Amino acid sequence: MAPRSGSKNVVDTSRLSGAEKCAVILLALGEEHAQVWKALDEEEIKEISQAMASLGNVTSAVVEELLVEFVQGMAGTGAIMGSFEQTQKLLASIMPDEKVESLMEEIRGPAGRTMWDKLGNVNEAVLANYLKNEYPQTVAVVLSKIKPDHAARVLSSLPEDFALECVMRMLRMEPVQREILDKIELTLRNEFMSNLARTSKRDSHEMMADIFNAFDRQTEARFITALEERNREAAERIRALMFVFEDLSKLDPGGVQTLLRSVEKDQLGLGMKGASDALREMFFSNMSERAAKIMREDMESMGPVRLKDVDAAQMAIVQVAKDLANKGEIMLVGASGDDELIY
């Protein structure tokens, strides 16, 4: 391999990136082993090709060392084990960090070899919630590519007029050009699947916030106080992620009315016994005058109630609110007040 004018001369394997090492090994294998390239995806081929084109002269000693390293890596333990962590580590040696993270998010997302396989494993309500903001023609293409039973569930989850428009587009649909299909796949991968993977990854603080939400009031205060002494930042993050009964005050009027229709009246009255005046008034103002009067009388007739019973009622109401939010019927805003919480 004669060096080109101005090209580098590779004499040390430690200076090679992962992509360059792959390039050297593939060059050494030659055209007779070109089928190896078929196992690589487009991005990998591009990365390795770029490294290969700028390799310059590679000494025979470097080639031999890399081949020995490769064989030893395969034979050293007699077995290999795949995992998310190992995959991420290997990819990090040949790709920039941002590309590795993007790819790992897609891998962690719904299972399936192709984008359409992956979409087939996405909950129909989640998929419909994304597609309702797309053009009917785009939705028609997507629905035509997934399985009929899944497409039927997605259609029934879309607004009726919009769903009917998508059906009409599907009836008139002609063969879709490859470049349009590729563009839709790319958009789904970049905008939908990557976000879906991110929201499915559980942060440890989110997990602890859910656990703290399930504590009674005294236990929660005890743990938060103890945690603040050891790690104030962690305690503050957990507190910000927690969704408690008083956070229901941030619901919009439509959300309050949806919640009122979904909770048991006895439970609501008991929960409101321990609520702030502002939260009580918010609930009363979203009831009819007669229903509010009856609720006030019921609460007065309860007399003194045990704190643990109030906590249990409030936790049950919060769980109903979370279930409604998960269905997309209401929007919950947590203690931080900034972002929607996704459960």
C-alpha atoms as a PDB file:
ATOM      1  CA  MET A   1       0.000   0.000   0.000  1.00  0.00           C
ATOM      2  CA  ALA A   2       1.909   3.050  -1.188  1.00  0.00           C
ATOM      3  CA  PRO A   3       1.219   6.209   0.786  1.00  0.00           C
ATOM      4  CA  ARG A   4      -0.441   9.056  -1.045  1.00  0.00           C
ATOM      5  CA  SER A   5       1.178  12.451  -1.060  1.00  0.00           C
ATOM      6  CA  GLY A   6       0.456  14.194   2.254  1.00  0.00           C
ATOM      7  CA  SER A   7      -1.380  11.165   3.701  1.00  0.00           C
ATOM      8  CA  LYS A   8      -0.682   9.821   7.159  1.00  0.00           C
ATOM      9  CA  ASN A   9       1.418   6.742   7.879  1.00  0.00           C
ATOM     10  CA  VAL A  10      -0.275   4.491  10.469  1.00  0.00           C
ATOM     11  CA  VAL A  11       2.260   2.696  12.642  1.00  0.00           C
ATOM     12  CA  ASP A  12       0.477   2.652  16.041  1.00  0.00           C
ATOM     13  CA  THR A  13      -2.907   0.971  16.721  1.00  0.00           C
ATOM     14  CA  SER A  14      -3.519   3.094  19.828  1.00  0.00           C
ATOM     15  CA  ARG A  15      -4.009   6.139  17.586  1.00  0.00           C
ATOM     16  CA  LEU A  16      -6.785   4.485  15.571  1.00  0.00           C
ATOM     17  CA  SER A  17     -10.471   5.073  16.270  1.00  0.00           C
ATOM     18  CA  GLY A  18     -12.935   2.192  16.290  1.00  0.00           C
ATOM     19  CA  ALA A  19     -14.119   3.041  12.787  1.00  0.00           C
ATOM     20  CA  GLU A  20     -10.516   3.107  11.519  1.00  0.00           C
ATOM     21  CA  LYS A  21      -9.798  -0.296  13.078  1.00  0.00           C
ATOM     22  CA  CYS A  22     -12.883  -1.707  11.353  1.00  0.00           C
ATOM     23  CA  ALA A  23     -11.720  -0.147   8.096  1.00  0.00           C
ATOM     24  CA  VAL A  24      -8.279  -1.774   8.383  1.00  0.00           C
ATOM     25  CA  ILE A  25      -9.742  -5.226   9.094  1.00  0.00           C
ATOM     26  CA  LEU A  26     -12.231  -4.977   6.220  1.00  0.00           C
ATOM     27  CA  LEU A  27      -9.456  -3.879   3.852  1.00  0.00           C
ATOM     28  CA  ALA A  28      -7.350  -6.830   4.999  1.00  0.00           C
ATOM     29  CA  LEU A  29     -10.236  -9.252   4.414  1.00  0.00           C
ATOM     30  CA  GLY A  30     -10.507  -8.009   0.832  1.00  0.00           C
ATOM     31  CA  GLU A  31     -13.224  -8.229  -1.798  1.00  0.00           C
ATOM     32  CA  GLU A  32     -13.718 -11.981  -1.331  1.00  0.00           C
ATOM     33  CA  HIS A  33     -15.275 -11.236   2.077  1.00  0.00           C
ATOM     34  CA  ALA A  34     -17.378  -8.306   0.863  1.00  0.00           C
ATOM     35  CA  GLN A  35     -20.506  -9.997   2.248  1.00  0.00           C
ATOM     36  CA  VAL A  36     -19.480  -8.672   5.666  1.00  0.00           C
ATOM     37  CA  TRP A  37     -20.576  -5.229   4.472  1.00  0.00           C
ATOM     38  CA  LYS A  38     -24.115  -6.527   4.025  1.00  0.00           C
ATOM     39  CA  ALA A  39     -24.404  -6.947   7.795  1.00  0.00           C
ATOM     40  CA  LEU A  40     -23.776  -3.225   8.331  1.00  0.00           C
ATOM     41  CA  ASP A  41     -26.418  -0.522   8.181  1.00  0.00           C
ATOM     42  CA  GLU A  42     -26.135   2.614   6.045  1.00  0.00           C
ATOM     43  CA  GLU A  43     -24.696   4.794   8.822  1.00  0.00           C
ATOM     44  CA  GLU A  44     -22.060   2.199   9.736  1.00  0.00           C
ATOM     45  CA  ILE A  45     -21.042   1.820   6.104  1.00  0.00           C
ATOM     46  CA  LYS A  46     -20.743   5.602   5.762  1.00  0.00           C
ATOM     47  CA  GLU A  47     -18.686   5.909   8.970  1.00  0.00           C
ATOM     48  CA  ILE A  48     -16.285   3.097   8.065  1.00  0.00           C
ATOM     49  CA  SER A  49     -16.018   4.216   4.436  1.00  0.00           C
ATOM     50  CA  GLN A  50     -15.014   7.709   5.504  1.00  0.00           C
ATOM     51  CA  ALA A  51     -12.401   6.281   7.860  1.00  0.00           C
ATOM     52  CA  MET A  52     -11.144   3.949   5.124  1.00  0.00           C
ATOM     53  CA  ALA A  53     -10.803   6.741   2.578  1.00  0.00           C
ATOM     54  CA  SER A  54      -8.551   8.754   4.898  1.00  0.00           C
ATOM     55  CA  LEU A  55      -6.473   5.925   6.363  1.00  0.00           C
ATOM     56  CA  GLY A  56      -3.361   6.464   4.296  1.00  0.00           C
ATOM     57  CA  ASN A  57      -0.572   3.899   4.578  1.00  0.00           C
ATOM     58  CA  VAL A  58      -1.045   1.178   7.199  1.00  0.00           C
ATOM     59  CA  THR A  59       1.995  -0.937   8.007  1.00  0.00           C
ATOM     60  CA  SER A  60       1.792  -4.724   7.915  1.00  0.00           C
ATOM     61  CA  ALA A  61       2.664  -4.799  11.631  1.00  0.00           C
ATOM     62  CA  VAL A  62      -0.441  -2.709  12.425  1.00  0.00           C
ATOM     63  CA  VAL A  63      -2.646  -4.932  10.266  1.00  0.00           C
ATOM     64  CA  GLU A  64      -1.312  -8.060  11.973  1.00  0.00           C
ATOM     65  CA  GLU A  65      -1.763  -6.555  15.445  1.00  0.00           C
ATOM     66  CA  LEU A  66      -5.364  -5.601  14.725  1.00  0.00           C
ATOM     67  CA  LEU A  67      -6.227  -9.031  13.313  1.00  0.00           C
ATOM     68  CA  VAL A  68      -4.688 -10.708  16.394  1.00  0.00           C
ATOM     69  CA  GLU A  69      -6.623  -8.310  18.633  1.00  0.00           C
ATOM     70  CA  PHE A  70      -9.831  -9.140  16.755  1.00  0.00           C
ATOM     71  CA  VAL A  71      -9.331 -12.916  16.997  1.00  0.00           C
ATOM     72  CA  GLN A  72      -8.376 -12.729  20.679  1.00  0.00           C
ATOM     73  CA  GLY A  73     -11.435 -10.642  21.387  1.00  0.00           C
ATOM     74  CA  MET A  74     -13.648 -13.325  19.859  1.00  0.00           C
ATOM     75  CA  ALA A  75     -11.872 -16.320  21.360  1.00  0.00           C
ATOM     76  CA  GLY A  76     -10.679 -14.978  24.708  1.00  0.00           C
ATOM     77  CA  THR A  77     -13.700 -16.035  26.774  1.00  0.00           C
ATOM     78  CA  GLY A  78     -15.115 -18.723  24.526  1.00  0.00           C
ATOM     79  CA  ALA A  79     -18.492 -16.977  24.673  1.00  0.00           C
ATOM     80  CA  ILE A  80     -20.019 -13.558  24.231  1.00  0.00           C
ATOM     81  CA  MET A  81     -22.993 -11.888  25.903  1.00  0.00           C
ATOM     82  CA  GLY A  82     -25.067  -9.110  24.448  1.00  0.00           C
ATOM     83  CA  SER A  83     -26.667  -6.354  26.538  1.00  0.00           C
ATOM     84  CA  PHE A  84     -27.762  -2.750  26.180  1.00  0.00           C
ATOM     85  CA  GLU A  85     -24.681  -1.640  28.107  1.00  0.00           C
ATOM     86  CA  GLN A  86     -22.244  -3.709  26.012  1.00  0.00           C
ATOM     87  CA  THR A  87     -23.889  -2.562  22.778  1.00  0.00           C
ATOM     88  CA  GLN A  88     -23.660   1.076  23.829  1.00  0.00           C
ATOM     89  CA  LYS A  89     -20.001   0.653  24.818  1.00  0.00           C
ATOM     90  CA  LEU A  90     -19.102  -0.900  21.462  1.00  0.00           C
ATOM     91  CA  LEU A  91     -21.009   1.709  19.459  1.00  0.00           C
ATOM     92  CA  ALA A  92     -19.282   4.477  21.407  1.00  0.00           C
ATOM     93  CA  SER A  93     -15.962   3.290  20.020  1.00  0.00           C
ATOM     94  CA  ILE A  94     -17.023   3.904  16.411  1.00  0.00           C
ATOM     95  CA  MET A  95     -19.684   6.645  16.604  1.00  0.00           C
ATOM     96  CA  PRO A  96     -20.032  10.133  18.077  1.00  0.00           C
ATOM     97  CA  ASP A  97     -21.864  10.184  21.435  1.00  0.00           C
ATOM     98  CA  GLU A  98     -24.981  11.882  20.053  1.00  0.00           C
ATOM     99  CA  LYS A  99     -25.393   9.213  17.346  1.00  0.00           C
ATOM    100  CA  VAL A 100     -24.905   6.424  19.883  1.00  0.00           C
ATOM    101  CA  GLU A 101     -27.570   7.907  22.165  1.00  0.00           C
ATOM    102  CA  SER A 102     -30.018   8.310  19.272  1.00  0.00           C
ATOM    103  CA  LEU A 103     -29.504   4.718  18.123  1.00  0.00           C
ATOM    104  CA  MET A 104     -29.777   3.306  21.652  1.00  0.00           C
ATOM    105  CA  GLU A 105     -33.035   5.195  22.174  1.00  0.00           C
ATOM    106  CA  GLU A 106     -34.437   3.549  19.069  1.00  0.00           C
ATOM    107  CA  ILE A 107     -33.218   0.118  20.228  1.00  0.00           C
ATOM    108  CA  ARG A 108     -34.802   0.637  23.650  1.00  0.00           C
ATOM    109  CA  GLY A 109     -38.064   1.600  21.966  1.00  0.00           C
ATOM    110  CA  PRO A 110     -40.712  -0.867  20.739  1.00  0.00           C
ATOM    111  CA  ALA A 111     -39.347  -4.134  19.365  1.00  0.00           C
ATOM    112  CA  GLY A 112     -39.316  -4.830  15.635  1.00  0.00           C
ATOM    113  CA  ARG A 113     -36.867  -5.049  12.750  1.00  0.00           C
ATOM    114  CA  THR A 114     -38.472  -2.362  10.582  1.00  0.00           C
ATOM    115  CA  MET A 115     -40.119   0.925  11.483  1.00  0.00           C
ATOM    116  CA  TRP A 116     -43.529  -0.550  10.642  1.00  0.00           C
ATOM    117  CA  ASP A 117     -42.885  -3.561  12.917  1.00  0.00           C
ATOM    118  CA  LYS A 118     -42.009  -1.133  15.704  1.00  0.00           C
ATOM    119  CA  LEU A 119     -45.167   0.919  15.144  1.00  0.00           C
ATOM    120  CA  GLY A 120     -47.175  -2.282  15.398  1.00  0.00           C
ATOM    121  CA  ASN A 121     -45.996  -2.601  19.015  1.00  0.00           C
ATOM    122  CA  VAL A 122     -46.946   0.948  20.015  1.00  0.00           C
ATOM    123  CA  ASN A 123     -50.138   1.402  22.028  1.00  0.00           C
ATOM    124  CA  GLU A 124     -52.892   2.596  19.679  1.00  0.00           C
ATOM    125  CA  ALA A 125     -53.825   5.552  21.914  1.00  0.00           C
ATOM    126  CA  VAL A 126     -50.206   6.750  21.996  1.00  0.00           C
ATOM    127  CA  LEU A 127     -49.838   6.378  18.224  1.00  0.00           C
ATOM    128  CA  ALA A 128     -53.185   8.078  17.566  1.00  0.00           C
ATOM    129  CA  ASN A 129     -52.218  10.976  19.835  1.00  0.00           C
ATOM    130  CA  TYR A 130     -49.144  11.557  17.645  1.00  0.00           C
ATOM    131  CA  LEU A 131     -50.835  11.008  14.277  1.00  0.00           C
ATOM    132  CA  LYS A 132     -53.775  13.344  14.958  1.00  0.00           C
ATOM    133  CA  ASN A 133     -51.356  16.271  14.436  1.00  0.00           C
ATOM    134  CA  GLU A 134     -50.121  14.972  11.061  1.00  0.00           C
ATOM    135  CA  TYR A 135     -51.549  15.472   7.559  1.00  0.00           C
ATOM    136  CA  PRO A 136     -54.360  12.986   6.733  1.00  0.00           C
ATOM    137  CA  GLN A 137     -52.339  11.770   3.710  1.00  0.00           C
ATOM    138  CA  THR A 138     -49.358  10.958   5.965  1.00  0.00           C
ATOM    139  CA  VAL A 139     -51.621   9.131   8.424  1.00  0.00           C
ATOM    140  CA  ALA A 140     -53.151   7.205   5.533  1.00  0.00           C
ATOM    141  CA  VAL A 141     -49.694   6.001   4.443  1.00  0.00           C
ATOM    142  CA  VAL A 142     -48.770   4.967   8.000  1.00  0.00           C
ATOM    143  CA  LEU A 143     -52.052   3.080   8.534  1.00  0.00           C
ATOM    144  CA  SER A 144     -51.648   1.300   5.212  1.00  0.00           C
ATOM    145  CA  LYS A 145     -48.237  -0.025   6.350  1.00  0.00           C
ATOM    146  CA  ILE A 146     -49.239  -1.473   9.731  1.00  0.00           C
ATOM    147  CA  LYS A 147     -51.395  -4.541  10.422  1.00  0.00           C
ATOM    148  CA  PRO A 148     -55.152  -4.116   9.760  1.00  0.00           C
ATOM    149  CA  ASP A 149     -56.229  -4.898  13.347  1.00  0.00           C
ATOM    150  CA  HIS A 150     -53.790  -2.335  14.745  1.00  0.00           C
ATOM    151  CA  ALA A 151     -54.808   0.224  12.115  1.00  0.00           C
ATOM    152  CA  ALA A 152     -58.452  -0.315  13.120  1.00  0.00           C
ATOM    153  CA  ARG A 153     -57.674   0.425  16.788  1.00  0.00           C
ATOM    154  CA  VAL A 154     -55.700   3.541  15.856  1.00  0.00           C
ATOM    155  CA  LEU A 155     -58.508   4.827  13.612  1.00  0.00           C
ATOM    156  CA  SER A 156     -61.069   4.345  16.387  1.00  0.00           C
ATOM    157  CA  SER A 157     -58.821   6.377  18.722  1.00  0.00           C
ATOM    158  CA  LEU A 158     -58.602   9.345  16.310  1.00  0.00           C
ATOM    159  CA  PRO A 159     -61.171  12.186  16.221  1.00  0.00           C
ATOM    160  CA  GLU A 160     -64.061  10.931  14.078  1.00  0.00           C
ATOM    161  CA  ASP A 161     -63.935  13.583  11.308  1.00  0.00           C
ATOM    162  CA  PHE A 162     -60.163  13.288  11.034  1.00  0.00           C
ATOM    163  CA  ALA A 163     -60.357   9.464  10.978  1.00  0.00           C
ATOM    164  CA  LEU A 164     -62.933   9.581   8.177  1.00  0.00           C
ATOM    165  CA  GLU A 165     -60.706  11.909   6.140  1.00  0.00           C
ATOM    166  CA  CYS A 166     -57.838   9.413   6.571  1.00  0.00           C
ATOM    167  CA  VAL A 167     -60.109   6.577   5.413  1.00  0.00           C
ATOM    168  CA  MET A 168     -61.021   8.561   2.273  1.00  0.00           C
ATOM    169  CA  ARG A 169     -57.322   9.162   1.567  1.00  0.00           C
ATOM    170  CA  MET A 170     -56.605   5.436   1.966  1.00  0.00           C
ATOM    171  CA  LEU A 171     -59.393   4.558  -0.467  1.00  0.00           C
ATOM    172  CA  ARG A 172     -57.895   6.887  -3.106  1.00  0.00           C
ATOM    173  CA  MET A 173     -54.291   6.000  -2.366  1.00  0.00           C
ATOM    174  CA  GLU A 174     -51.926   5.210  -5.213  1.00  0.00           C
ATOM    175  CA  PRO A 175     -48.519   3.474  -4.868  1.00  0.00           C
ATOM    176  CA  VAL A 176     -46.317   5.640  -2.640  1.00  0.00           C
ATOM    177  CA  GLN A 177     -42.980   6.762  -4.076  1.00  0.00           C
ATOM    178  CA  ARG A 178     -39.948   5.332  -2.309  1.00  0.00           C
ATOM    179  CA  GLU A 179     -38.506   8.743  -1.397  1.00  0.00           C
ATOM    180  CA  ILE A 180     -41.793   9.816   0.247  1.00  0.00           C
ATOM    181  CA  LEU A 181     -41.939   6.591   2.229  1.00  0.00           C
ATOM    182  CA  ASP A 182     -38.323   7.050   3.311  1.00  0.00           C
ATOM    183  CA  LYS A 183     -39.095  10.600   4.433  1.00  0.00           C
ATOM    184  CA  ILE A 184     -42.063   9.431   6.522  1.00  0.00           C
ATOM    185  CA  GLU A 185     -39.946   6.673   8.097  1.00  0.00           C
ATOM    186  CA  LEU A 186     -37.211   9.187   8.933  1.00  0.00           C
ATOM    187  CA  THR A 187     -39.726  11.574  10.520  1.00  0.00           C
ATOM    188  CA  LEU A 188     -41.253   8.770  12.578  1.00  0.00           C
ATOM    189  CA  ARG A 189     -37.818   7.670  13.739  1.00  0.00           C
ATOM    190  CA  ASN A 190     -36.564  11.149  14.629  1.00  0.00           C
ATOM    191  CA  GLU A 191     -39.718  12.728  16.037  1.00  0.00           C
ATOM    192  CA  PHE A 192     -41.836   9.889  17.386  1.00  0.00           C
ATOM    193  CA  MET A 193     -39.717   6.845  18.219  1.00  0.00           C
ATOM    194  CA  SER A 194     -36.881   8.806  19.828  1.00  0.00           C
ATOM    195  CA  ASN A 195     -39.346  10.694  22.058  1.00  0.00           C
ATOM    196  CA  LEU A 196     -41.184   7.465  22.861  1.00  0.00           C
ATOM    197  CA  ALA A 197     -37.926   5.798  23.904  1.00  0.00           C
ATOM    198  CA  ARG A 198     -36.958   8.776  26.053  1.00  0.00           C
ATOM    199  CA  THR A 199     -40.289   8.816  27.894  1.00  0.00           C
ATOM    200  CA  SER A 200     -40.149   5.058  28.457  1.00  0.00           C
ATOM    201  CA  LYS A 201     -36.797   5.236  30.251  1.00  0.00           C
ATOM    202  CA  ARG A 202     -37.397   5.515  33.976  1.00  0.00           C
ATOM    203  CA  ASP A 203     -35.237   7.978  35.849  1.00  0.00           C
ATOM    204  CA  SER A 204     -34.456   6.783  39.386  1.00  0.00           C
ATOM    205  CA  HIS A 205     -35.807  10.049  40.809  1.00  0.00           C
ATOM    206  CA  GLU A 206     -39.108   9.533  38.947  1.00  0.00           C
ATOM    207  CA  MET A 207     -39.346   6.035  40.384  1.00  0.00           C
ATOM    208  CA  MET A 208     -38.722   7.338  43.913  1.00  0.00           C
ATOM    209  CA  ALA A 209     -41.272  10.140  43.399  1.00  0.00           C
ATOM    210  CA  ASP A 210     -43.912   7.489  42.642  1.00  0.00           C
ATOM    211  CA  ILE A 211     -42.907   5.579  45.791  1.00  0.00           C
ATOM    212  CA  PHE A 212     -43.010   8.745  47.923  1.00  0.00           C
ATOM    213  CA  ASN A 213     -46.451   9.523  46.485  1.00  0.00           C
ATOM    214  CA  ALA A 214     -47.654   6.208  47.925  1.00  0.00           C
ATOM    215  CA  PHE A 215     -46.448   7.069  51.458  1.00  0.00           C
ATOM    216  CA  ASP A 216     -48.871   8.437  54.017  1.00  0.00           C
ATOM    217  CA  ARG A 217     -48.257  12.071  54.921  1.00  0.00           C
ATOM    218  CA  GLN A 218     -46.180  11.413  58.042  1.00  0.00           C
ATOM    219  CA  THR A 219     -43.943   8.779  56.429  1.00  0.00           C
ATOM    220  CA  GLU A 220     -43.389  10.995  53.387  1.00  0.00           C
ATOM    221  CA  ALA A 221     -42.352  13.946  55.577  1.00  0.00           C
ATOM    222  CA  ARG A 222     -40.012  11.724  57.599  1.00  0.00           C
ATOM    223  CA  PHE A 223     -38.232  10.341  54.523  1.00  0.00           C
ATOM    224  CA  ILE A 224     -37.996  13.700  52.749  1.00  0.00           C
ATOM    225  CA  THR A 225     -36.527  15.329  55.870  1.00  0.00           C
ATOM    226  CA  ALA A 226     -33.991  12.516  56.308  1.00  0.00           C
ATOM    227  CA  LEU A 227     -33.050  12.621  52.614  1.00  0.00           C
ATOM    228  CA  GLU A 228     -32.576  16.394  52.707  1.00  0.00           C
ATOM    229  CA  GLU A 229     -29.917  15.929  55.384  1.00  0.00           C
ATOM    230  CA  ARG A 230     -27.972  13.481  53.200  1.00  0.00           C
ATOM    231  CA  ASN A 231     -28.649  14.766  49.685  1.00  0.00           C
ATOM    232  CA  ARG A 232     -30.619  18.016  49.395  1.00  0.00           C
ATOM    233  CA  GLU A 233     -30.458  18.037  45.570  1.00  0.00           C
ATOM    234  CA  ALA A 234     -31.997  14.535  45.311  1.00  0.00           C
ATOM    235  CA  ALA A 235     -34.724  15.486  47.805  1.00  0.00           C
ATOM    236  CA  GLU A 236     -35.593  18.602  45.803  1.00  0.00           C
ATOM    237  CA  ARG A 237     -35.739  16.647  42.508  1.00  0.00           C
ATOM    238  CA  ILE A 238     -38.035  14.035  44.050  1.00  0.00           C
ATOM    239  CA  ARG A 239     -40.280  16.707  45.557  1.00  0.00           C
ATOM    240  CA  ALA A 240     -40.509  18.462  42.165  1.00  0.00           C
ATOM    241  CA  LEU A 241     -41.467  15.196  40.421  1.00  0.00           C
ATOM    242  CA  MET A 242     -44.061  14.171  42.992  1.00  0.00           C
ATOM    243  CA  PHE A 243     -47.698  14.709  42.141  1.00  0.00           C
ATOM    244  CA  VAL A 244     -49.779  15.278  45.264  1.00  0.00           C
ATOM    245  CA  PHE A 245     -53.422  16.051  45.934  1.00  0.00           C
ATOM    246  CA  GLU A 246     -52.873  19.826  46.136  1.00  0.00           C
ATOM    247  CA  ASP A 247     -51.362  19.755  42.612  1.00  0.00           C
ATOM    248  CA  LEU A 248     -54.889  19.105  41.334  1.00  0.00           C
ATOM    249  CA  SER A 249     -55.401  22.864  41.795  1.00  0.00           C
ATOM    250  CA  LYS A 250     -53.405  23.301  38.548  1.00  0.00           C
ATOM    251  CA  LEU A 251     -56.009  21.432  36.476  1.00  0.00           C
ATOM    252  CA  ASP A 252     -57.933  23.469  33.911  1.00  0.00           C
ATOM    253  CA  PRO A 253     -61.761  23.611  34.294  1.00  0.00           C
ATOM    254  CA  GLY A 254     -62.265  20.855  31.715  1.00  0.00           C
ATOM    255  CA  GLY A 255     -59.808  18.625  33.554  1.00  0.00           C
ATOM    256  CA  VAL A 256     -61.523  19.261  36.906  1.00  0.00           C
ATOM    257  CA  GLN A 257     -64.926  18.344  35.473  1.00  0.00           C
ATOM    258  CA  THR A 258     -63.518  15.185  33.855  1.00  0.00           C
ATOM    259  CA  LEU A 259     -61.994  14.190  37.199  1.00  0.00           C
ATOM    260  CA  LEU A 260     -65.238  14.926  39.106  1.00  0.00           C
ATOM    261  CA  ARG A 261     -67.120  12.573  36.789  1.00  0.00           C
ATOM    262  CA  SER A 262     -64.594   9.814  37.440  1.00  0.00           C
ATOM    263  CA  VAL A 263     -64.160   9.796  41.236  1.00  0.00           C
ATOM    264  CA  GLU A 264     -66.517   8.413  43.863  1.00  0.00           C
ATOM    265  CA  LYS A 265     -68.384  11.198  45.670  1.00  0.00           C
ATOM    266  CA  ASP A 266     -67.748   9.736  49.151  1.00  0.00           C
ATOM    267  CA  GLN A 267     -64.030   9.522  48.390  1.00  0.00           C
ATOM    268  CA  LEU A 268     -63.961  13.089  47.075  1.00  0.00           C
ATOM    269  CA  GLY A 269     -65.677  14.441  50.176  1.00  0.00           C
ATOM    270  CA  LEU A 270     -63.259  12.635  52.473  1.00  0.00           C
ATOM    271  CA  GLY A 271     -60.237  13.794  50.452  1.00  0.00           C
ATOM    272  CA  MET A 272     -61.442  17.395  50.467  1.00  0.00           C
ATOM    273  CA  LYS A 273     -61.670  17.360  54.293  1.00  0.00           C
ATOM    274  CA  GLY A 274     -57.855  17.602  54.290  1.00  0.00           C
ATOM    275  CA  ALA A 275     -57.556  20.006  51.331  1.00  0.00           C
ATOM    276  CA  SER A 276     -56.721  23.702  51.349  1.00  0.00           C
ATOM    277  CA  ASP A 277     -59.568  26.210  51.120  1.00  0.00           C
ATOM    278  CA  ALA A 278     -58.429  27.188  47.612  1.00  0.00           C
ATOM    279  CA  LEU A 279     -58.561  23.582  46.344  1.00  0.00           C
ATOM    280  CA  ARG A 280     -61.965  23.013  47.915  1.00  0.00           C
ATOM    281  CA  GLU A 281     -63.336  26.124  46.246  1.00  0.00           C
ATOM    282  CA  MET A 282     -61.929  25.026  42.901  1.00  0.00           C
ATOM    283  CA  PHE A 283     -63.832  21.733  43.136  1.00  0.00           C
ATOM    284  CA  PHE A 284     -67.033  23.418  44.369  1.00  0.00           C
ATOM    285  CA  SER A 285     -66.915  26.028  41.577  1.00  0.00           C
ATOM    286  CA  ASN A 286     -66.851  23.251  38.968  1.00  0.00           C
ATOM    287  CA  MET A 287     -69.976  21.563  40.411  1.00  0.00           C
ATOM    288  CA  SER A 288     -73.547  22.581  39.965  1.00  0.00           C
ATOM    289  CA  GLU A 289     -74.914  24.712  42.802  1.00  0.00           C
ATOM    290  CA  ARG A 290     -77.028  21.804  44.049  1.00  0.00           C
ATOM    291  CA  ALA A 291     -74.154  19.260  43.888  1.00  0.00           C
ATOM    292  CA  ALA A 292     -71.823  21.662  45.741  1.00  0.00           C
ATOM    293  CA  LYS A 293     -74.440  22.209  48.472  1.00  0.00           C
ATOM    294  CA  ILE A 294     -74.896  18.450  48.932  1.00  0.00           C
ATOM    295  CA  MET A 295     -71.125  17.908  49.041  1.00  0.00           C
ATOM    296  CA  ARG A 296     -70.662  20.609  51.726  1.00  0.00           C
ATOM    297  CA  GLU A 297     -73.428  19.049  53.831  1.00  0.00           C
ATOM    298  CA  ASP A 298     -71.926  15.568  53.457  1.00  0.00           C
ATOM    299  CA  MET A 299     -68.499  16.841  54.538  1.00  0.00           C
ATOM    300  CA  GLU A 300     -70.012  18.570  57.598  1.00  0.00           C
ATOM    301  CA  SER A 301     -71.916  15.438  58.598  1.00  0.00           C
ATOM    302  CA  MET A 302     -68.680  13.387  58.581  1.00  0.00           C
ATOM    303  CA  GLY A 303     -67.429  15.157  61.665  1.00  0.00           C
ATOM    304  CA  PRO A 304     -63.778  14.518  62.671  1.00  0.00           C
ATOM    305  CA  VAL A 305     -62.013  12.011  60.364  1.00  0.00           C
ATOM    306  CA  ARG A 306     -58.735  10.128  60.743  1.00  0.00           C
ATOM    307  CA  LEU A 307     -55.744  11.564  58.910  1.00  0.00           C
ATOM    308  CA  LYS A 308     -54.837   8.182  57.403  1.00  0.00           C
ATOM    309  CA  ASP A 309     -58.349   7.867  55.928  1.00  0.00           C
ATOM    310  CA  VAL A 310     -58.036  11.310  54.341  1.00  0.00           C
ATOM    311  CA  ASP A 311     -54.590  10.394  52.950  1.00  0.00           C
ATOM    312  CA  ALA A 312     -55.965   7.148  51.491  1.00  0.00           C
ATOM    313  CA  ALA A 313     -58.849   8.996  49.812  1.00  0.00           C
ATOM    314  CA  GLN A 314     -56.530  11.660  48.392  1.00  0.00           C
ATOM    315  CA  MET A 315     -54.117   9.011  47.065  1.00  0.00           C
ATOM    316  CA  ALA A 316     -57.015   7.203  45.364  1.00  0.00           C
ATOM    317  CA  ILE A 317     -58.187  10.458  43.720  1.00  0.00           C
ATOM    318  CA  VAL A 318     -54.639  11.249  42.557  1.00  0.00           C
ATOM    319  CA  GLN A 319     -54.413   7.742  41.053  1.00  0.00           C
ATOM    320  CA  VAL A 320     -57.668   8.333  39.138  1.00  0.00           C
ATOM    321  CA  ALA A 321     -56.166  11.608  37.860  1.00  0.00           C
ATOM    322  CA  LYS A 322     -52.990   9.805  36.740  1.00  0.00           C
ATOM    323  CA  ASP A 323     -55.048   7.156  34.926  1.00  0.00           C
ATOM    324  CA  LEU A 324     -57.002   9.884  33.115  1.00  0.00           C
ATOM    325  CA  ALA A 325     -53.741  11.638  32.197  1.00  0.00           C
ATOM    326  CA  ASN A 326     -52.327   8.374  30.861  1.00  0.00           C
ATOM    327  CA  LYS A 327     -55.366   8.116  28.567  1.00  0.00           C
ATOM    328  CA  GLY A 328     -54.802  11.684  27.402  1.00  0.00           C
ATOM    329  CA  GLU A 329     -58.111  12.916  28.881  1.00  0.00           C
ATOM    330  CA  ILE A 330     -56.555  15.460  31.267  1.00  0.00           C
ATOM    331  CA  MET A 331     -53.157  17.124  31.659  1.00  0.00           C
ATOM    332  CA  LEU A 332     -51.322  16.935  34.980  1.00  0.00           C
ATOM    333  CA  VAL A 333     -48.779  19.513  36.097  1.00  0.00           C
ATOM    334  CA  GLY A 334     -46.539  18.592  39.012  1.00  0.00           C
ATOM    335  CA  ALA A 335     -44.966  20.537  41.834  1.00  0.00           C
ATOM    336  CA  SER A 336     -42.462  22.234  39.505  1.00  0.00           C
ATOM    337  CA  GLY A 337     -45.402  23.713  37.593  1.00  0.00           C
ATOM    338  CA  ASP A 338     -43.514  23.705  34.286  1.00  0.00           C
ATOM    339  CA  ASP A 339     -44.045  20.450  32.449  1.00  0.00           C
ATOM    340  CA  GLU A 340     -46.680  17.841  31.875  1.00  0.00           C
ATOM    341  CA  LEU A 341     -45.954  14.663  33.780  1.00  0.00           C
ATOM    342  CA  ILE A 342     -46.136  11.462  31.704  1.00  0.00           C
ATOM    343  CA  TYR A 343     -46.909   8.293  33.606  1.00  0.00           C
END
